[in-house]
Amino acid sequence: MPITLENVGITVRDIDATIEFFTDLGLTLVGRDTISGDWADTAVGLDGNHAKIAVLTTPDGHGQIELFEYLHPDAIETQPTLPNEIGMHRVALSVDDIDVALEIAAKHGCFPLRGVATYQDVYKLTYLRGPSGILVMLAQDLTKG
């Protein structure tokens, strides 16, 4: 059976701020909607499911992020996950220039957790906290160009 990854879904506090963050980094907004109704309750498993959604895609068209801002039931605030906690904890993005990407992230109040590391002269990478505490890894392939 063939399988492909459709997208990664992330619940956020402020969908507009999160869209702005990811589009400033270079993703493209594919579409937005507000969902509710029996089909949404069934698909997600929440009664009264009502949410704003948005889908963003990477410039190469292969990666997508789906954002959810819940209107009902209320979103539940949790502590931001740590890199060593079990479960989904980060979105990784390849960038052409990590310094430029970090300047863009800083405009949104998002900074590296510790700094920028170099892995075997192959990658420069860092983790930062994005909107709603999302862990975002930025990686620059040093073997390209």
Protein backbone atom coordinates (compact mmCIF):
# COMPACT_ATOMS: atom_id res chain seq x y z
CA MET A 1 0.00 0.00 0.00
CA PRO A 2 1.57 3.34 -1.00
CA ILE A 3 1.56 6.03 1.66
CA THR A 4 2.46 9.71 1.65
CA LEU A 5 2.59 12.27 4.43
CA GLU A 6 -0.30 14.69 3.90
CA ASN A 7 0.59 17.33 6.52
CA VAL A 8 1.49 18.01 10.12
CA GLY A 9 -1.31 19.53 12.21
CA ILE A 10 -0.59 22.07 14.93
CA THR A 11 -3.07 23.73 17.30
CA VAL A 12 -2.20 27.38 17.95
CA ARG A 13 -3.44 30.30 20.05
CA ASP A 14 -3.42 32.86 17.24
CA ILE A 15 -3.74 31.53 13.71
CA ASP A 16 -3.04 34.90 12.06
CA ALA A 17 0.24 35.42 13.95
CA THR A 18 1.31 31.85 13.19
CA ILE A 19 0.50 32.22 9.49
CA GLU A 20 2.54 35.43 9.41
CA PHE A 21 5.50 33.70 11.10
CA PHE A 22 5.58 30.77 8.67
CA THR A 23 4.90 32.86 5.54
CA ASP A 24 7.69 35.26 6.53
CA LEU A 25 9.99 32.21 6.68
CA GLY A 26 8.96 31.31 3.13
CA LEU A 27 5.98 28.98 3.34
CA THR A 28 2.92 29.78 1.21
CA LEU A 29 -0.63 29.97 2.50
CA VAL A 30 -2.65 27.46 0.45
CA GLY A 31 -6.03 28.15 2.03
CA ARG A 32 -8.07 29.02 5.08
CA ASP A 33 -11.47 27.97 6.33
CA THR A 34 -13.63 27.63 9.41
CA ILE A 35 -14.85 24.12 10.07
CA SER A 36 -17.69 22.72 12.16
CA GLY A 37 -20.53 20.22 11.96
CA ASP A 38 -21.08 16.51 12.36
CA TRP A 39 -18.36 15.59 9.87
CA ALA A 40 -15.77 17.64 11.81
CA ASP A 41 -16.92 16.15 15.14
CA THR A 42 -16.55 12.65 13.71
CA ALA A 43 -13.22 13.22 11.95
CA VAL A 44 -11.50 14.84 14.93
CA GLY A 45 -13.36 13.10 17.76
CA LEU A 46 -14.52 16.26 19.54
CA ASP A 47 -18.18 17.16 20.09
CA GLY A 48 -19.01 20.67 18.92
CA ASN A 49 -15.71 20.93 17.03
CA HIS A 50 -15.44 24.45 15.59
CA ALA A 51 -12.08 25.75 14.44
CA LYS A 52 -10.32 28.14 12.12
CA ILE A 53 -7.90 26.23 9.92
CA ALA A 54 -5.14 27.14 7.49
CA VAL A 55 -2.83 25.07 5.29
CA LEU A 56 0.66 26.24 4.40
CA THR A 57 3.10 24.58 2.02
CA THR A 58 6.85 24.65 1.61
CA PRO A 59 8.29 26.27 -1.54
CA ASP A 60 9.08 22.83 -3.03
CA GLY A 61 5.42 21.82 -2.60
CA HIS A 62 6.27 18.62 -0.71
CA GLY A 63 5.66 19.68 2.90
CA GLN A 64 2.48 21.05 4.44
CA ILE A 65 1.49 22.35 7.86
CA GLU A 66 -2.17 22.55 8.87
CA LEU A 67 -2.91 25.04 11.64
CA PHE A 68 -5.94 24.90 13.93
CA GLU A 69 -7.26 27.67 16.18
CA TYR A 70 -10.07 26.11 18.19
CA LEU A 71 -13.17 28.19 18.81
CA HIS A 72 -14.94 25.26 20.51
CA PRO A 73 -14.11 23.36 22.55
CA ASP A 74 -11.66 25.80 24.06
CA ALA A 75 -8.00 25.14 23.35
CA ILE A 76 -6.18 23.67 26.33
CA GLU A 77 -2.99 25.43 27.35
CA THR A 78 -0.09 23.10 28.08
CA GLN A 79 3.56 23.58 28.84
CA PRO A 80 5.65 23.74 25.67
CA THR A 81 7.23 20.36 24.98
CA LEU A 82 10.91 19.77 25.44
CA PRO A 83 13.04 18.10 22.76
CA ASN A 84 13.41 14.93 24.85
CA GLU A 85 9.69 14.44 25.63
CA ILE A 86 7.89 11.56 23.97
CA GLY A 87 5.44 12.60 21.28
CA MET A 88 5.46 15.09 18.47
CA HIS A 89 7.58 18.05 19.38
CA ARG A 90 9.01 19.97 16.41
CA VAL A 91 8.71 21.07 12.82
CA ALA A 92 12.00 21.01 10.88
CA LEU A 93 12.56 23.45 8.03
CA SER A 94 15.50 23.58 5.62
CA VAL A 95 16.60 27.13 4.87
CA ASP A 96 19.13 28.57 2.43
CA ASP A 97 20.55 31.00 4.98
CA ILE A 98 20.04 30.31 8.68
CA ASP A 99 21.15 33.83 9.67
CA VAL A 100 18.45 35.42 7.49
CA ALA A 101 15.86 32.94 8.82
CA LEU A 102 16.83 33.84 12.40
CA GLU A 103 16.48 37.56 11.63
CA ILE A 104 12.95 36.87 10.36
CA ALA A 105 12.13 34.75 13.41
CA ALA A 106 13.45 37.48 15.72
CA LYS A 107 10.95 39.94 14.22
CA HIS A 108 8.28 37.61 15.65
CA GLY A 109 9.96 37.44 19.06
CA CYS A 110 11.34 33.94 18.36
CA PHE A 111 14.96 33.16 19.24
CA PRO A 112 17.18 30.05 19.42
CA LEU A 113 16.87 28.01 22.59
CA ARG A 114 20.64 28.02 22.99
CA GLY A 115 22.41 29.07 19.79
CA VAL A 116 23.35 27.81 16.35
CA ALA A 117 25.33 24.56 16.11
CA THR A 118 27.35 23.11 13.26
CA TYR A 119 27.08 19.37 12.66
CA GLN A 120 30.19 17.87 11.01
CA ASP A 121 30.56 20.85 8.63
CA VAL A 122 27.40 19.57 6.91
CA TYR A 123 24.59 21.48 8.66
CA LYS A 124 24.13 24.60 10.73
CA LEU A 125 21.04 24.11 12.86
CA THR A 126 19.08 25.44 15.78
CA TYR A 127 15.83 24.95 17.65
CA LEU A 128 13.65 27.95 18.47
CA ARG A 129 10.23 28.55 19.98
CA GLY A 130 7.74 29.76 17.40
CA PRO A 131 4.21 31.07 17.96
CA SER A 132 2.23 29.19 20.63
CA GLY A 133 5.50 27.63 21.84
CA ILE A 134 5.93 25.47 18.71
CA LEU A 135 9.44 24.04 18.53
CA VAL A 136 10.88 24.83 15.10
CA MET A 137 14.20 23.46 13.87
CA LEU A 138 15.96 25.51 11.23
CA ALA A 139 18.69 23.74 9.25
CA GLN A 140 21.05 25.06 6.59
CA ASP A 141 22.79 22.47 4.41
CA LEU A 142 26.40 23.66 4.19
CA THR A 143 27.17 21.29 1.30
CA LYS A 144 24.90 23.25 -1.06
CA GLY A 145 26.35 26.29 -2.83
